[in-house]
Each structure stands twice: as structure tokens, then as C-alpha cells.
């Protein structure tokens, strides 16, 4: 997992966390929108990730979620 974004400004820190989730979800257009918001706040935008185009694959579900029953018969 990526290192937790650090900032003294809570808005920038929140945008960096949101950006990380969008990169993992593969939402490149939304990442660009968050980058624009960061620029407007005077924050240098992170280096573009090549992973923003492909969704992250998971081998296990997130905490608190159950897997679907594939064969209920």
C-alpha cells in the first residue's frame, strides 16, 4: 500500500487521500480533476501514475465485506 499522504493543510491531505483511492480504482479522469483542485490550492501535483488506467485487482475483499456465494445450489 502507498505511504499515507502528509500535509499540514487538512483540505490538501483529504484531496491526496481521495486521489490515491481514485488511482487504485482506475478513474484517470477524476484523478485529473483532483490534481486541478490541488494546483488551485497551491500544492504541487504528484507525478502521474501509470496505474490510473487499469483498475487494481484484489484477491481478498475489503474489511467488513463478504464475498458473494458463487454457487448457492
Protein backbone atom coordinates (compact mmCIF):
# COMPACT_ATOMS: atom_id res chain seq x y z
CA UNK A 1 0.00 0.00 0.00
CA UNK A 2 1.18 3.54 -0.66
CA UNK A 3 2.52 5.77 2.06
CA UNK A 4 -0.09 7.96 3.76
CA UNK A 5 -0.06 11.47 2.20
CA UNK A 6 1.24 14.12 4.58
CA UNK A 7 0.20 17.75 4.66
CA UNK A 8 -0.45 20.37 7.31
CA UNK A 9 -3.49 21.59 5.34
CA UNK A 10 -6.46 19.28 6.01
CA UNK A 11 -8.03 20.03 2.60
CA UNK A 12 -4.86 19.05 0.74
CA UNK A 13 -4.46 15.92 2.86
CA UNK A 14 -8.06 14.92 2.09
CA UNK A 15 -7.57 15.51 -1.64
CA UNK A 16 -4.39 13.42 -1.61
CA UNK A 17 -6.23 10.55 0.09
CA UNK A 18 -9.07 10.84 -2.42
CA UNK A 19 -6.57 10.89 -5.29
CA UNK A 20 -4.92 7.70 -4.05
CA UNK A 21 -8.27 5.90 -3.98
CA UNK A 22 -9.14 7.14 -7.47
CA UNK A 23 -5.81 5.92 -8.83
CA UNK A 24 -6.46 2.49 -7.31
CA UNK A 25 -9.95 2.47 -8.84
CA UNK A 26 -8.57 3.38 -12.25
CA UNK A 27 -10.55 6.63 -12.62
CA UNK A 28 -7.98 8.67 -14.54
CA UNK A 29 -10.41 11.45 -15.50
CA UNK A 30 -11.36 12.00 -11.85
CA UNK A 31 -7.67 11.92 -10.84
CA UNK A 32 -7.09 14.81 -13.25
CA UNK A 33 -9.91 16.77 -11.59
CA UNK A 34 -8.41 16.24 -8.14
CA UNK A 35 -4.99 17.27 -9.49
CA UNK A 36 -6.54 20.52 -10.73
CA UNK A 37 -8.02 21.18 -7.28
CA UNK A 38 -4.61 20.55 -5.71
CA UNK A 39 -2.99 23.02 -8.15
CA UNK A 40 -5.60 25.66 -7.26
CA UNK A 41 -4.70 25.23 -3.58
CA UNK A 42 -1.02 25.78 -4.42
CA UNK A 43 0.05 22.16 -3.99
CA UNK A 44 2.39 20.60 -6.50
CA UNK A 45 0.56 17.70 -8.08
CA UNK A 46 2.03 14.23 -7.69
CA UNK A 47 3.75 12.53 -10.59
CA UNK A 48 1.10 10.85 -12.79
CA UNK A 49 0.73 7.16 -12.03
CA UNK A 50 0.66 4.67 -14.88
CA UNK A 51 -1.76 2.62 -12.79
CA UNK A 52 -4.53 5.20 -13.16
CA UNK A 53 -5.71 3.50 -16.35
CA UNK A 54 -6.09 -0.02 -15.02
CA UNK A 55 -8.25 -0.90 -12.02
CA UNK A 56 -6.49 -2.57 -9.14
CA UNK A 57 -7.20 -6.25 -8.73
CA UNK A 58 -7.98 -7.65 -5.32
CA UNK A 59 -7.52 -11.16 -4.11
CA UNK A 60 -9.45 -10.52 -0.90
CA UNK A 61 -12.48 -8.31 -0.23
CA UNK A 62 -12.07 -5.13 1.83
CA UNK A 63 -12.59 -5.40 5.57
CA UNK A 64 -16.22 -5.74 6.57
CA UNK A 65 -17.35 -7.12 3.24
CA UNK A 66 -18.32 -10.65 2.41
CA UNK A 67 -17.64 -12.44 -0.80
CA UNK A 68 -20.52 -13.46 -3.00
CA UNK A 69 -21.64 -17.04 -2.91
CA UNK A 70 -20.76 -18.33 -6.36
CA UNK A 71 -22.82 -21.46 -6.25
CA UNK A 72 -25.79 -21.38 -3.94
CA UNK A 73 -27.40 -24.56 -5.27
